[in-house]
Amino acid sequence: MTSLAVELSGVDVLLGGRLVLESVDLEVERGEFLAIIGPNGGGKTTLFKLLLGLVRPERGTVRVLGGEPEAARGRVGYVPQFVRFDQDFPIRVLDVVRMGRLGRRRTLLPLGRNDTGAAREVLAQLKIAELADRQIGRLSGGQLQRVLIARALVLGPEILLLDEPTASLDIHSAEGFYELLKELAAQMTVILVSHDVGTVSAHVHSVACLNRRVFSHAHELSTDDLLRAYGCPIELIGHGEAPHRVLGRHPEIGA
């Protein structure tokens, strides 16, 4: 069994005649907690679609858990960035999580007791068991995000992909959310996309800078990495009671 959860080599992706990803090389070890950062339109969501087998490369190879992405779908959990639904739709949290069990089913048989039991277990693991019977539209942003993670976890995935998971959370909720992801990262490979560069870099094992190409994949960020990925000088500010500069000013910005 390969030690790599994800391996991309020389990958190009064309969408609508536009080169979205170019010569992407990326290796993610099993058990790694990786954040992928970069500007809007830099190909981050497209990269996730590659890993899920929803997009095929024009050139290069993509391996997920040692094989083709399509073959690994049942072993990869995914939490999308935007979830739109009718807030009044009469479905309970428990039923939303149970739907995650459909990912590996090859028949049209209805969900059963085992599926319900698995859903309740993962709700308890994420400390939201009391929400099981609540209507999905009556949740806070933080509660909904945990429910969506529960739906992704109910199959026991080996890789968890999260697209901008803290975008709708306040600072306090986001900090608690990152602590949850740290716990999950002890059990599986976790890869998240984020624009919150200053905060996310304090929680993950490594950071990859992506803007059509991977400009860096390392344990620590540098101003040069960000300059190359974003194409302009970047200054990181930490938020909280006492906002602080995470990285020093780039020479092009001035002292």
C-alpha atoms as a PDB file:
ATOM      1  CA  MET A   1       0.000   0.000   0.000  1.00  0.00           C
ATOM      2  CA  THR A   2       1.366   3.407  -0.975  1.00  0.00           C
ATOM      3  CA  SER A   3       2.151   5.940   1.751  1.00  0.00           C
ATOM      4  CA  LEU A   4       0.577   8.660  -0.383  1.00  0.00           C
ATOM      5  CA  ALA A   5      -3.065   9.613  -0.034  1.00  0.00           C
ATOM      6  CA  VAL A   6      -2.921  11.864  -3.102  1.00  0.00           C
ATOM      7  CA  GLU A   7      -0.457  12.044  -5.990  1.00  0.00           C
ATOM      8  CA  LEU A   8      -0.694  14.444  -8.937  1.00  0.00           C
ATOM      9  CA  SER A   9       2.025  14.515 -11.582  1.00  0.00           C
ATOM     10  CA  GLY A  10       2.211  16.971 -14.484  1.00  0.00           C
ATOM     11  CA  VAL A  11      -1.533  17.637 -14.382  1.00  0.00           C
ATOM     12  CA  ASP A  12      -3.202  20.069 -16.808  1.00  0.00           C
ATOM     13  CA  VAL A  13      -6.944  20.755 -16.677  1.00  0.00           C
ATOM     14  CA  LEU A  14      -8.887  22.600 -19.368  1.00  0.00           C
ATOM     15  CA  LEU A  15     -12.366  23.930 -18.598  1.00  0.00           C
ATOM     16  CA  GLY A  16     -14.268  25.796 -21.287  1.00  0.00           C
ATOM     17  CA  GLY A  17     -11.108  26.026 -23.334  1.00  0.00           C
ATOM     18  CA  ARG A  18      -9.254  27.745 -20.480  1.00  0.00           C
ATOM     19  CA  LEU A  19      -6.216  26.237 -18.741  1.00  0.00           C
ATOM     20  CA  VAL A  20      -7.341  26.107 -15.098  1.00  0.00           C
ATOM     21  CA  LEU A  21      -4.518  23.919 -13.753  1.00  0.00           C
ATOM     22  CA  GLU A  22      -1.092  23.716 -15.364  1.00  0.00           C
ATOM     23  CA  SER A  23       1.737  21.247 -14.684  1.00  0.00           C
ATOM     24  CA  VAL A  24       0.496  20.549 -11.169  1.00  0.00           C
ATOM     25  CA  ASP A  25       2.694  18.275  -9.076  1.00  0.00           C
ATOM     26  CA  LEU A  26       1.456  17.489  -5.572  1.00  0.00           C
ATOM     27  CA  GLU A  27       2.008  14.643  -3.121  1.00  0.00           C
ATOM     28  CA  VAL A  28       0.004  14.364   0.102  1.00  0.00           C
ATOM     29  CA  GLU A  29       1.050  11.772   2.654  1.00  0.00           C
ATOM     30  CA  ARG A  30      -1.521   9.638   4.435  1.00  0.00           C
ATOM     31  CA  GLY A  31      -2.388  11.324   7.730  1.00  0.00           C
ATOM     32  CA  GLU A  32      -1.337  14.774   6.517  1.00  0.00           C
ATOM     33  CA  PHE A  33      -3.418  17.824   7.501  1.00  0.00           C
ATOM     34  CA  LEU A  34      -3.014  20.119   4.500  1.00  0.00           C
ATOM     35  CA  ALA A  35      -4.406  23.557   3.710  1.00  0.00           C
ATOM     36  CA  ILE A  36      -4.532  24.724   0.103  1.00  0.00           C
ATOM     37  CA  ILE A  37      -4.500  28.498  -0.279  1.00  0.00           C
ATOM     38  CA  GLY A  38      -4.479  30.838  -3.259  1.00  0.00           C
ATOM     39  CA  PRO A  39      -6.464  33.569  -5.014  1.00  0.00           C
ATOM     40  CA  ASN A  40      -9.996  33.226  -6.360  1.00  0.00           C
ATOM     41  CA  GLY A  41      -9.989  31.445  -9.703  1.00  0.00           C
ATOM     42  CA  GLY A  42      -6.675  29.772  -8.937  1.00  0.00           C
ATOM     43  CA  GLY A  43      -8.022  26.233  -9.394  1.00  0.00           C
ATOM     44  CA  LYS A  44      -8.552  25.116  -5.790  1.00  0.00           C
ATOM     45  CA  THR A  45     -12.086  23.790  -6.255  1.00  0.00           C
ATOM     46  CA  THR A  46     -11.093  22.246  -9.584  1.00  0.00           C
ATOM     47  CA  LEU A  47      -8.336  20.374  -7.756  1.00  0.00           C
ATOM     48  CA  PHE A  48     -10.945  18.890  -5.424  1.00  0.00           C
ATOM     49  CA  LYS A  49     -13.062  17.869  -8.415  1.00  0.00           C
ATOM     50  CA  LEU A  50     -10.025  16.039  -9.789  1.00  0.00           C
ATOM     51  CA  LEU A  51      -9.622  14.126  -6.533  1.00  0.00           C
ATOM     52  CA  LEU A  52     -13.322  13.225  -6.549  1.00  0.00           C
ATOM     53  CA  GLY A  53     -13.163  11.974 -10.135  1.00  0.00           C
ATOM     54  CA  LEU A  54     -15.598  14.644 -11.331  1.00  0.00           C
ATOM     55  CA  VAL A  55     -13.051  16.218 -13.693  1.00  0.00           C
ATOM     56  CA  ARG A  56     -10.474  14.451 -15.849  1.00  0.00           C
ATOM     57  CA  PRO A  57      -7.043  15.923 -16.599  1.00  0.00           C
ATOM     58  CA  GLU A  58      -6.068  16.924 -20.109  1.00  0.00           C
ATOM     59  CA  ARG A  59      -2.568  15.697 -19.321  1.00  0.00           C
ATOM     60  CA  GLY A  60      -0.794  14.041 -16.416  1.00  0.00           C
ATOM     61  CA  THR A  61      -1.822  11.486 -13.794  1.00  0.00           C
ATOM     62  CA  VAL A  62      -3.998  11.644 -10.698  1.00  0.00           C
ATOM     63  CA  ARG A  63      -3.885   8.956  -8.023  1.00  0.00           C
ATOM     64  CA  VAL A  64      -6.070   8.833  -4.920  1.00  0.00           C
ATOM     65  CA  LEU A  65      -5.260   6.164  -2.329  1.00  0.00           C
ATOM     66  CA  GLY A  66      -3.100   4.458  -4.919  1.00  0.00           C
ATOM     67  CA  GLY A  67      -5.657   4.208  -7.715  1.00  0.00           C
ATOM     68  CA  GLU A  68      -7.986   6.076 -10.033  1.00  0.00           C
ATOM     69  CA  PRO A  69     -10.084   8.784  -8.303  1.00  0.00           C
ATOM     70  CA  GLU A  70     -13.334   7.151  -9.430  1.00  0.00           C
ATOM     71  CA  ALA A  71     -12.382   3.941  -7.639  1.00  0.00           C
ATOM     72  CA  ALA A  72     -11.710   5.811  -4.384  1.00  0.00           C
ATOM     73  CA  ARG A  73     -14.948   7.797  -4.205  1.00  0.00           C
ATOM     74  CA  GLY A  74     -16.424   5.707  -1.409  1.00  0.00           C
ATOM     75  CA  ARG A  75     -13.269   6.292   0.646  1.00  0.00           C
ATOM     76  CA  VAL A  76     -13.245  10.077   0.288  1.00  0.00           C
ATOM     77  CA  GLY A  77     -15.547  12.384   2.250  1.00  0.00           C
ATOM     78  CA  TYR A  78     -16.368  15.819   0.837  1.00  0.00           C
ATOM     79  CA  VAL A  79     -17.817  18.947   2.449  1.00  0.00           C
ATOM     80  CA  PRO A  80     -18.695  21.549  -0.218  1.00  0.00           C
ATOM     81  CA  GLN A  81     -18.296  25.299   0.170  1.00  0.00           C
ATOM     82  CA  PHE A  82     -21.895  26.255  -0.558  1.00  0.00           C
ATOM     83  CA  VAL A  83     -24.924  24.265   0.514  1.00  0.00           C
ATOM     84  CA  ARG A  84     -28.210  25.686  -0.713  1.00  0.00           C
ATOM     85  CA  PHE A  85     -31.480  24.160   0.423  1.00  0.00           C
ATOM     86  CA  ASP A  86     -35.012  25.103   1.364  1.00  0.00           C
ATOM     87  CA  GLN A  87     -34.769  26.172   5.002  1.00  0.00           C
ATOM     88  CA  ASP A  88     -38.320  24.889   5.578  1.00  0.00           C
ATOM     89  CA  PHE A  89     -37.779  21.465   4.007  1.00  0.00           C
ATOM     90  CA  PRO A  90     -38.991  18.942   6.635  1.00  0.00           C
ATOM     91  CA  ILE A  91     -35.884  16.808   7.064  1.00  0.00           C
ATOM     92  CA  ARG A  92     -34.104  16.042  10.315  1.00  0.00           C
ATOM     93  CA  VAL A  93     -30.392  16.257  10.996  1.00  0.00           C
ATOM     94  CA  LEU A  94     -30.265  12.479  11.489  1.00  0.00           C
ATOM     95  CA  ASP A  95     -31.728  11.885   8.038  1.00  0.00           C
ATOM     96  CA  VAL A  96     -29.273  14.302   6.401  1.00  0.00           C
ATOM     97  CA  VAL A  97     -26.358  12.410   7.962  1.00  0.00           C
ATOM     98  CA  ARG A  98     -27.836   9.021   7.014  1.00  0.00           C
ATOM     99  CA  MET A  99     -27.878  10.131   3.366  1.00  0.00           C
ATOM    100  CA  GLY A 100     -24.082  10.035   3.460  1.00  0.00           C
ATOM    101  CA  ARG A 101     -24.354   6.247   3.613  1.00  0.00           C
ATOM    102  CA  LEU A 102     -25.596   6.207   0.027  1.00  0.00           C
ATOM    103  CA  GLY A 103     -22.049   6.863  -1.190  1.00  0.00           C
ATOM    104  CA  ARG A 104     -20.992   3.205  -1.286  1.00  0.00           C
ATOM    105  CA  ARG A 105     -24.330   1.542  -1.973  1.00  0.00           C
ATOM    106  CA  ARG A 106     -24.669  -0.348  -5.230  1.00  0.00           C
ATOM    107  CA  THR A 107     -28.368  -1.094  -4.886  1.00  0.00           C
ATOM    108  CA  LEU A 108     -31.574   0.893  -4.442  1.00  0.00           C
ATOM    109  CA  LEU A 109     -32.385  -0.781  -1.131  1.00  0.00           C
ATOM    110  CA  PRO A 110     -33.590   1.671   1.548  1.00  0.00           C
ATOM    111  CA  LEU A 111     -31.351   2.726   4.401  1.00  0.00           C
ATOM    112  CA  GLY A 112     -31.678   0.545   7.464  1.00  0.00           C
ATOM    113  CA  ARG A 113     -30.840   0.216  11.152  1.00  0.00           C
ATOM    114  CA  ASN A 114     -27.111  -0.067  10.569  1.00  0.00           C
ATOM    115  CA  ASP A 115     -27.161   3.213   8.660  1.00  0.00           C
ATOM    116  CA  THR A 116     -29.110   4.916  11.441  1.00  0.00           C
ATOM    117  CA  GLY A 117     -26.720   3.565  14.052  1.00  0.00           C
ATOM    118  CA  ALA A 118     -23.695   4.785  12.114  1.00  0.00           C
ATOM    119  CA  ALA A 119     -25.260   8.237  11.763  1.00  0.00           C
ATOM    120  CA  ARG A 120     -25.950   8.480  15.496  1.00  0.00           C
ATOM    121  CA  GLU A 121     -22.389   7.406  16.286  1.00  0.00           C
ATOM    122  CA  VAL A 122     -20.820  10.099  14.139  1.00  0.00           C
ATOM    123  CA  LEU A 123     -23.173  12.745  15.549  1.00  0.00           C
ATOM    124  CA  ALA A 124     -22.008  11.750  19.028  1.00  0.00           C
ATOM    125  CA  GLN A 125     -18.361  11.848  17.886  1.00  0.00           C
ATOM    126  CA  LEU A 126     -18.846  15.446  16.722  1.00  0.00           C
ATOM    127  CA  LYS A 127     -20.674  16.318  19.968  1.00  0.00           C
ATOM    128  CA  ILE A 128     -23.974  17.179  18.287  1.00  0.00           C
ATOM    129  CA  ALA A 129     -26.010  14.087  19.171  1.00  0.00           C
ATOM    130  CA  GLU A 130     -28.700  16.311  20.677  1.00  0.00           C
ATOM    131  CA  LEU A 131     -29.389  17.786  17.234  1.00  0.00           C
ATOM    132  CA  ALA A 132     -30.453  14.466  15.691  1.00  0.00           C
ATOM    133  CA  ASP A 133     -34.170  15.273  15.569  1.00  0.00           C
ATOM    134  CA  ARG A 134     -33.845  18.993  14.806  1.00  0.00           C
ATOM    135  CA  GLN A 135     -35.083  20.274  11.455  1.00  0.00           C
ATOM    136  CA  ILE A 136     -32.059  21.102   9.276  1.00  0.00           C
ATOM    137  CA  GLY A 137     -33.139  24.704   8.644  1.00  0.00           C
ATOM    138  CA  ARG A 138     -33.101  25.508  12.363  1.00  0.00           C
ATOM    139  CA  LEU A 139     -29.345  25.195  12.823  1.00  0.00           C
ATOM    140  CA  SER A 140     -26.703  27.853  13.361  1.00  0.00           C
ATOM    141  CA  GLY A 141     -23.854  28.143  10.849  1.00  0.00           C
ATOM    142  CA  GLY A 142     -21.474  26.238  13.107  1.00  0.00           C
ATOM    143  CA  GLN A 143     -24.009  23.485  13.784  1.00  0.00           C
ATOM    144  CA  LEU A 144     -24.774  23.078  10.086  1.00  0.00           C
ATOM    145  CA  GLN A 145     -21.070  22.802   9.274  1.00  0.00           C
ATOM    146  CA  ARG A 146     -20.668  19.988  11.803  1.00  0.00           C
ATOM    147  CA  VAL A 147     -23.702  18.200  10.371  1.00  0.00           C
ATOM    148  CA  LEU A 148     -22.204  18.375   6.880  1.00  0.00           C
ATOM    149  CA  ILE A 149     -18.952  16.937   8.225  1.00  0.00           C
ATOM    150  CA  ALA A 150     -20.935  14.183   9.945  1.00  0.00           C
ATOM    151  CA  ARG A 151     -22.551  13.343   6.595  1.00  0.00           C
ATOM    152  CA  ALA A 152     -19.078  13.106   5.036  1.00  0.00           C
ATOM    153  CA  LEU A 153     -17.729  10.986   7.906  1.00  0.00           C
ATOM    154  CA  VAL A 154     -20.552   8.480   8.182  1.00  0.00           C
ATOM    155  CA  LEU A 155     -18.879   6.130   5.676  1.00  0.00           C
ATOM    156  CA  GLY A 156     -15.573   6.169   7.558  1.00  0.00           C
ATOM    157  CA  PRO A 157     -13.521   7.878   4.829  1.00  0.00           C
ATOM    158  CA  GLU A 158      -9.739   7.750   4.621  1.00  0.00           C
ATOM    159  CA  ILE A 159      -9.565  11.262   3.154  1.00  0.00           C
ATOM    160  CA  LEU A 160     -11.697  14.271   4.120  1.00  0.00           C
ATOM    161  CA  LEU A 161     -11.911  17.223   1.683  1.00  0.00           C
ATOM    162  CA  LEU A 162     -13.347  20.543   2.895  1.00  0.00           C
ATOM    163  CA  ASP A 163     -13.917  23.546   0.628  1.00  0.00           C
ATOM    164  CA  GLU A 164     -13.786  26.834   2.620  1.00  0.00           C
ATOM    165  CA  PRO A 165     -15.240  25.183   5.761  1.00  0.00           C
ATOM    166  CA  THR A 166     -15.038  28.306   7.973  1.00  0.00           C
ATOM    167  CA  ALA A 167     -16.333  30.851   5.438  1.00  0.00           C
ATOM    168  CA  SER A 168     -19.672  31.276   7.244  1.00  0.00           C
ATOM    169  CA  LEU A 169     -18.340  31.062  10.804  1.00  0.00           C
ATOM    170  CA  ASP A 170     -17.385  33.827  13.229  1.00  0.00           C
ATOM    171  CA  ILE A 171     -13.873  33.885  14.740  1.00  0.00           C
ATOM    172  CA  HIS A 172     -14.855  32.027  17.930  1.00  0.00           C
ATOM    173  CA  SER A 173     -16.728  29.295  16.041  1.00  0.00           C
ATOM    174  CA  ALA A 174     -13.884  28.950  13.547  1.00  0.00           C
ATOM    175  CA  GLU A 175     -11.331  28.330  16.298  1.00  0.00           C
ATOM    176  CA  GLY A 176     -13.453  25.535  17.742  1.00  0.00           C
ATOM    177  CA  PHE A 177     -13.935  24.146  14.261  1.00  0.00           C
ATOM    178  CA  TYR A 178     -10.180  23.950  13.648  1.00  0.00           C
ATOM    179  CA  GLU A 179      -9.794  22.054  16.926  1.00  0.00           C
ATOM    180  CA  LEU A 180     -12.332  19.539  15.620  1.00  0.00           C
ATOM    181  CA  LEU A 181     -10.389  19.184  12.377  1.00  0.00           C
ATOM    182  CA  LYS A 182      -7.198  18.543  14.359  1.00  0.00           C
ATOM    183  CA  GLU A 183      -8.930  15.637  16.088  1.00  0.00           C
ATOM    184  CA  LEU A 184     -10.121  14.248  12.761  1.00  0.00           C
ATOM    185  CA  ALA A 185      -6.646  14.650  11.256  1.00  0.00           C
ATOM    186  CA  ALA A 186      -5.361  12.164  13.827  1.00  0.00           C
ATOM    187  CA  GLN A 187      -7.602   9.549  12.177  1.00  0.00           C
ATOM    188  CA  MET A 188      -7.441  10.356   8.453  1.00  0.00           C
ATOM    189  CA  THR A 189      -5.948  12.614   5.799  1.00  0.00           C
ATOM    190  CA  VAL A 190      -7.574  16.066   5.900  1.00  0.00           C
ATOM    191  CA  ILE A 191      -7.264  18.550   3.028  1.00  0.00           C
ATOM    192  CA  LEU A 192      -9.011  21.899   3.191  1.00  0.00           C
ATOM    193  CA  VAL A 193      -9.231  24.943   0.947  1.00  0.00           C
ATOM    194  CA  SER A 194      -9.107  28.267   2.749  1.00  0.00           C
ATOM    195  CA  HIS A 195      -8.668  31.997   2.207  1.00  0.00           C
ATOM    196  CA  ASP A 196      -7.989  32.491   5.924  1.00  0.00           C
ATOM    197  CA  VAL A 197      -4.222  32.216   5.453  1.00  0.00           C
ATOM    198  CA  GLY A 198      -3.104  33.628   8.789  1.00  0.00           C
ATOM    199  CA  THR A 199      -5.398  31.472  10.914  1.00  0.00           C
ATOM    200  CA  VAL A 200      -5.281  28.199   9.008  1.00  0.00           C
ATOM    201  CA  SER A 201      -1.470  28.114   8.905  1.00  0.00           C
ATOM    202  CA  ALA A 202      -1.410  27.910  12.714  1.00  0.00           C
ATOM    203  CA  HIS A 203      -3.477  24.716  12.750  1.00  0.00           C
ATOM    204  CA  VAL A 204      -2.440  22.502   9.829  1.00  0.00           C
ATOM    205  CA  HIS A 205       0.642  20.348   9.257  1.00  0.00           C
ATOM    206  CA  SER A 206       1.461  21.910   5.892  1.00  0.00           C
ATOM    207  CA  VAL A 207       0.295  24.512   3.383  1.00  0.00           C
ATOM    208  CA  ALA A 208       0.231  24.386  -0.421  1.00  0.00           C
ATOM    209  CA  CYS A 209       0.032  27.624  -2.406  1.00  0.00           C
ATOM    210  CA  LEU A 210      -1.976  27.146  -5.606  1.00  0.00           C
ATOM    211  CA  ASN A 211      -2.595  29.576  -8.431  1.00  0.00           C
ATOM    212  CA  ARG A 212      -3.012  27.397 -11.501  1.00  0.00           C
ATOM    213  CA  ARG A 213       0.305  25.840 -10.452  1.00  0.00           C
ATOM    214  CA  VAL A 214       1.528  24.663  -7.050  1.00  0.00           C
ATOM    215  CA  PHE A 215       4.100  27.245  -6.016  1.00  0.00           C
ATOM    216  CA  SER A 216       4.899  25.778  -2.614  1.00  0.00           C
ATOM    217  CA  HIS A 217       4.043  22.791  -0.421  1.00  0.00           C
ATOM    218  CA  ALA A 218       5.796  23.068   2.917  1.00  0.00           C
ATOM    219  CA  HIS A 219       5.361  23.117   6.690  1.00  0.00           C
ATOM    220  CA  GLU A 220       5.876  26.875   6.894  1.00  0.00           C
ATOM    221  CA  LEU A 221       4.796  29.797   4.739  1.00  0.00           C
ATOM    222  CA  SER A 222       7.132  32.516   3.544  1.00  0.00           C
ATOM    223  CA  THR A 223       6.373  35.918   2.045  1.00  0.00           C
ATOM    224  CA  ASP A 224       8.083  34.763  -1.159  1.00  0.00           C
ATOM    225  CA  ASP A 225       5.712  31.773  -1.428  1.00  0.00           C
ATOM    226  CA  LEU A 226       2.713  34.084  -1.096  1.00  0.00           C
ATOM    227  CA  LEU A 227       4.143  36.625  -3.511  1.00  0.00           C
ATOM    228  CA  ARG A 228       4.551  33.961  -6.192  1.00  0.00           C
ATOM    229  CA  ALA A 229       1.133  32.406  -5.576  1.00  0.00           C
ATOM    230  CA  TYR A 230      -0.876  35.635  -5.411  1.00  0.00           C
ATOM    231  CA  GLY A 231       1.221  37.643  -7.863  1.00  0.00           C
ATOM    232  CA  CYS A 232       1.473  40.623  -5.514  1.00  0.00           C
ATOM    233  CA  PRO A 233       2.879  41.378  -2.034  1.00  0.00           C
ATOM    234  CA  ILE A 234       0.751  39.902   0.764  1.00  0.00           C
ATOM    235  CA  GLU A 235       0.640  40.928   4.403  1.00  0.00           C
ATOM    236  CA  LEU A 236      -0.885  38.486   6.907  1.00  0.00           C
ATOM    237  CA  ILE A 237      -2.704  39.794   9.964  1.00  0.00           C
ATOM    238  CA  GLY A 238      -3.767  37.548  12.839  1.00  0.00           C
ATOM    239  CA  HIS A 239      -7.225  38.295  14.260  1.00  0.00           C
ATOM    240  CA  GLY A 240      -8.433  38.171  17.828  1.00  0.00           C
ATOM    241  CA  GLU A 241      -8.299  40.375  20.885  1.00  0.00           C
ATOM    242  CA  ALA A 242      -4.897  41.703  19.806  1.00  0.00           C
ATOM    243  CA  PRO A 243      -4.504  41.627  16.002  1.00  0.00           C
ATOM    244  CA  HIS A 244      -0.894  40.984  15.038  1.00  0.00           C
ATOM    245  CA  ARG A 245       1.243  40.625  11.944  1.00  0.00           C
ATOM    246  CA  VAL A 246       1.860  36.941  11.170  1.00  0.00           C
ATOM    247  CA  LEU A 247       4.598  37.563   8.622  1.00  0.00           C
ATOM    248  CA  GLY A 248       6.779  40.620   8.364  1.00  0.00           C
ATOM    249  CA  ARG A 249       6.264  43.204   5.655  1.00  0.00           C
ATOM    250  CA  HIS A 250       7.573  42.231   2.238  1.00  0.00           C
ATOM    251  CA  PRO A 251      10.397  44.490   1.043  1.00  0.00           C
ATOM    252  CA  GLU A 252       8.214  45.693  -1.831  1.00  0.00           C
ATOM    253  CA  ILE A 253       5.643  46.971   0.682  1.00  0.00           C
ATOM    254  CA  GLY A 254       8.138  48.816   2.841  1.00  0.00           C
ATOM    255  CA  ALA A 255       9.060  48.669   6.511  1.00  0.00           C
END
